[in-house]
Amino acid sequence: MASLSSILLATAVVALLVVGSCATELTFKVGEGSSSSSLDLITNIAISEVEVKEKGTKDWTGLKESSANTWTLKSDAPLEGPFSVRFLVKNGGYRVVDDVIPASFKAGSIYKSGIQL
């Protein structure tokens, strides 16, 4: 007969495997209000401190959260993609996805990050 500690250990391992397999890939949907000088990103998972880096620049530009999981960047000058995205994951540190939003982005398009959260 299995000991109680063996049963508890096996249960804990199974629970960890189930939780680990429930990860979802982070996606970025380009919002309908996006244009050559405005970028709205809608995420399928809650993240924070979202920034983008335009093609050929070294600096990151912060986006403002306009509603839940929606991040907005307004610019006086035309935006130039592709865009890399840097964001903070709760209890997970910063993550960067290079060139995830192409230069020819279209409103309504969904772009996969390749990051499971």
C-alpha atoms as a PDB file:
ATOM      1  CA  MET A   1       0.000   0.000   0.000  1.00  0.00           C
ATOM      2  CA  ALA A   2       1.305   3.479  -0.898  1.00  0.00           C
ATOM      3  CA  SER A   3       2.166   5.833   1.915  1.00  0.00           C
ATOM      4  CA  LEU A   4       0.293   9.101   2.360  1.00  0.00           C
ATOM      5  CA  SER A   5       3.442  11.084   1.542  1.00  0.00           C
ATOM      6  CA  SER A   6       3.875   9.171  -1.759  1.00  0.00           C
ATOM      7  CA  ILE A   7       0.273   9.887  -2.710  1.00  0.00           C
ATOM      8  CA  LEU A   8       0.634  13.586  -1.829  1.00  0.00           C
ATOM      9  CA  LEU A   9       3.867  13.842  -3.828  1.00  0.00           C
ATOM     10  CA  ALA A  10       2.295  12.191  -6.868  1.00  0.00           C
ATOM     11  CA  THR A  11      -0.722  14.505  -6.608  1.00  0.00           C
ATOM     12  CA  ALA A  12       1.526  17.576  -6.428  1.00  0.00           C
ATOM     13  CA  VAL A  13       3.501  16.478  -9.508  1.00  0.00           C
ATOM     14  CA  VAL A  14       0.308  15.892 -11.498  1.00  0.00           C
ATOM     15  CA  ALA A  15      -1.033  19.315 -10.442  1.00  0.00           C
ATOM     16  CA  LEU A  16       2.172  21.026 -11.570  1.00  0.00           C
ATOM     17  CA  LEU A  17       2.025  19.284 -14.938  1.00  0.00           C
ATOM     18  CA  VAL A  18      -1.610  20.269 -15.455  1.00  0.00           C
ATOM     19  CA  VAL A  19      -0.984  23.910 -14.528  1.00  0.00           C
ATOM     20  CA  GLY A  20       2.133  24.059 -16.726  1.00  0.00           C
ATOM     21  CA  SER A  21       0.259  22.713 -19.726  1.00  0.00           C
ATOM     22  CA  CYS A  22      -2.422  25.410 -19.447  1.00  0.00           C
ATOM     23  CA  ALA A  23      -0.110  28.139 -20.710  1.00  0.00           C
ATOM     24  CA  THR A  24      -1.503  30.358 -23.453  1.00  0.00           C
ATOM     25  CA  GLU A  25       0.477  32.054 -26.198  1.00  0.00           C
ATOM     26  CA  LEU A  26       0.464  35.838 -25.896  1.00  0.00           C
ATOM     27  CA  THR A  27      -0.958  37.528 -28.989  1.00  0.00           C
ATOM     28  CA  PHE A  28      -1.145  41.152 -30.082  1.00  0.00           C
ATOM     29  CA  LYS A  29      -4.205  42.280 -32.030  1.00  0.00           C
ATOM     30  CA  VAL A  30      -3.868  45.585 -33.860  1.00  0.00           C
ATOM     31  CA  GLY A  31      -6.891  47.685 -32.891  1.00  0.00           C
ATOM     32  CA  GLU A  32      -9.285  49.302 -35.352  1.00  0.00           C
ATOM     33  CA  GLY A  33      -8.065  52.799 -34.351  1.00  0.00           C
ATOM     34  CA  SER A  34      -4.542  52.097 -35.609  1.00  0.00           C
ATOM     35  CA  SER A  35      -3.081  54.163 -38.424  1.00  0.00           C
ATOM     36  CA  SER A  36       0.282  55.387 -39.687  1.00  0.00           C
ATOM     37  CA  SER A  37       0.610  57.600 -36.580  1.00  0.00           C
ATOM     38  CA  SER A  38      -1.320  55.578 -34.002  1.00  0.00           C
ATOM     39  CA  LEU A  39      -0.933  52.019 -32.768  1.00  0.00           C
ATOM     40  CA  ASP A  40      -3.473  50.211 -30.587  1.00  0.00           C
ATOM     41  CA  LEU A  41      -2.423  46.796 -29.305  1.00  0.00           C
ATOM     42  CA  ILE A  42      -4.914  44.474 -27.644  1.00  0.00           C
ATOM     43  CA  THR A  43      -3.471  41.507 -25.768  1.00  0.00           C
ATOM     44  CA  ASN A  44      -5.224  38.261 -24.959  1.00  0.00           C
ATOM     45  CA  ILE A  45      -3.421  38.074 -21.599  1.00  0.00           C
ATOM     46  CA  ALA A  46      -3.006  40.775 -18.950  1.00  0.00           C
ATOM     47  CA  ILE A  47       0.482  42.317 -19.139  1.00  0.00           C
ATOM     48  CA  SER A  48       1.827  45.670 -17.995  1.00  0.00           C
ATOM     49  CA  GLU A  49       4.342  48.391 -18.830  1.00  0.00           C
ATOM     50  CA  VAL A  50       4.122  47.860 -22.585  1.00  0.00           C
ATOM     51  CA  GLU A  51       6.712  49.600 -24.780  1.00  0.00           C
ATOM     52  CA  VAL A  52       7.541  49.409 -28.478  1.00  0.00           C
ATOM     53  CA  LYS A  53      10.725  50.045 -30.402  1.00  0.00           C
ATOM     54  CA  GLU A  54      10.417  51.183 -33.994  1.00  0.00           C
ATOM     55  CA  LYS A  55      12.682  49.984 -36.780  1.00  0.00           C
ATOM     56  CA  GLY A  56      16.150  51.482 -36.610  1.00  0.00           C
ATOM     57  CA  THR A  57      15.755  53.113 -33.187  1.00  0.00           C
ATOM     58  CA  LYS A  58      17.487  52.338 -29.915  1.00  0.00           C
ATOM     59  CA  ASP A  59      14.825  53.820 -27.641  1.00  0.00           C
ATOM     60  CA  TRP A  60      11.686  52.210 -26.297  1.00  0.00           C
ATOM     61  CA  THR A  61       8.441  54.226 -26.306  1.00  0.00           C
ATOM     62  CA  GLY A  62       5.836  53.527 -23.645  1.00  0.00           C
ATOM     63  CA  LEU A  63       2.223  52.829 -24.567  1.00  0.00           C
ATOM     64  CA  LYS A  64      -0.681  53.969 -22.412  1.00  0.00           C
ATOM     65  CA  GLU A  65      -3.242  51.496 -21.190  1.00  0.00           C
ATOM     66  CA  SER A  66      -6.552  52.871 -22.457  1.00  0.00           C
ATOM     67  CA  SER A  67      -8.723  49.991 -21.217  1.00  0.00           C
ATOM     68  CA  ALA A  68      -8.181  46.446 -20.010  1.00  0.00           C
ATOM     69  CA  ASN A  69      -5.535  44.753 -22.156  1.00  0.00           C
ATOM     70  CA  THR A  70      -5.530  47.641 -24.683  1.00  0.00           C
ATOM     71  CA  TRP A  71      -2.364  49.686 -25.143  1.00  0.00           C
ATOM     72  CA  THR A  72      -2.138  52.854 -27.253  1.00  0.00           C
ATOM     73  CA  LEU A  73       0.658  54.872 -28.838  1.00  0.00           C
ATOM     74  CA  LYS A  74      -0.104  58.200 -30.519  1.00  0.00           C
ATOM     75  CA  SER A  75       2.617  59.956 -32.493  1.00  0.00           C
ATOM     76  CA  ASP A  76       2.941  63.272 -34.310  1.00  0.00           C
ATOM     77  CA  ALA A  77       5.215  61.591 -36.860  1.00  0.00           C
ATOM     78  CA  PRO A  78       4.484  58.462 -38.882  1.00  0.00           C
ATOM     79  CA  LEU A  79       5.340  55.243 -37.052  1.00  0.00           C
ATOM     80  CA  GLU A  80       7.866  52.975 -38.717  1.00  0.00           C
ATOM     81  CA  GLY A  81       7.738  49.207 -38.250  1.00  0.00           C
ATOM     82  CA  PRO A  82       8.483  46.477 -37.762  1.00  0.00           C
ATOM     83  CA  PHE A  83       7.908  46.949 -34.054  1.00  0.00           C
ATOM     84  CA  SER A  84       9.516  45.067 -31.210  1.00  0.00           C
ATOM     85  CA  VAL A  85       7.459  44.893 -28.021  1.00  0.00           C
ATOM     86  CA  ARG A  86       8.778  44.892 -24.449  1.00  0.00           C
ATOM     87  CA  PHE A  87       6.415  44.249 -21.551  1.00  0.00           C
ATOM     88  CA  LEU A  88       6.284  43.269 -17.901  1.00  0.00           C
ATOM     89  CA  VAL A  89       4.732  39.970 -16.897  1.00  0.00           C
ATOM     90  CA  LYS A  90       3.314  39.855 -13.398  1.00  0.00           C
ATOM     91  CA  ASN A  91       5.812  37.898 -11.262  1.00  0.00           C
ATOM     92  CA  GLY A  92       7.874  37.129 -14.359  1.00  0.00           C
ATOM     93  CA  GLY A  93      10.056  40.096 -15.244  1.00  0.00           C
ATOM     94  CA  TYR A  94      10.399  41.808 -18.595  1.00  0.00           C
ATOM     95  CA  ARG A  95      10.022  40.008 -21.901  1.00  0.00           C
ATOM     96  CA  VAL A  96      10.936  41.237 -25.383  1.00  0.00           C
ATOM     97  CA  VAL A  97       9.476  40.068 -28.683  1.00  0.00           C
ATOM     98  CA  ASP A  98      11.527  41.334 -31.622  1.00  0.00           C
ATOM     99  CA  ASP A  99       9.789  42.531 -34.794  1.00  0.00           C
ATOM    100  CA  VAL A 100       6.425  41.037 -33.776  1.00  0.00           C
ATOM    101  CA  ILE A 101       4.312  43.754 -35.465  1.00  0.00           C
ATOM    102  CA  PRO A 102       5.279  44.107 -39.148  1.00  0.00           C
ATOM    103  CA  ALA A 103       5.717  47.424 -40.956  1.00  0.00           C
ATOM    104  CA  SER A 104       2.651  46.619 -43.045  1.00  0.00           C
ATOM    105  CA  PHE A 105       0.387  45.946 -40.033  1.00  0.00           C
ATOM    106  CA  LYS A 106      -3.340  45.991 -40.624  1.00  0.00           C
ATOM    107  CA  ALA A 107      -6.074  46.831 -38.139  1.00  0.00           C
ATOM    108  CA  GLY A 108      -7.746  43.659 -36.942  1.00  0.00           C
ATOM    109  CA  SER A 109      -4.693  41.464 -37.581  1.00  0.00           C
ATOM    110  CA  ILE A 110      -3.414  39.203 -34.821  1.00  0.00           C
ATOM    111  CA  TYR A 111       0.298  38.594 -34.370  1.00  0.00           C
ATOM    112  CA  LYS A 112       1.664  35.740 -32.242  1.00  0.00           C
ATOM    113  CA  SER A 113       4.489  36.425 -29.805  1.00  0.00           C
ATOM    114  CA  GLY A 114       5.801  32.884 -29.429  1.00  0.00           C
ATOM    115  CA  ILE A 115       5.735  33.402 -25.647  1.00  0.00           C
ATOM    116  CA  GLN A 116       3.634  31.099 -23.493  1.00  0.00           C
ATOM    117  CA  LEU A 117       2.212  32.670 -20.321  1.00  0.00           C
END
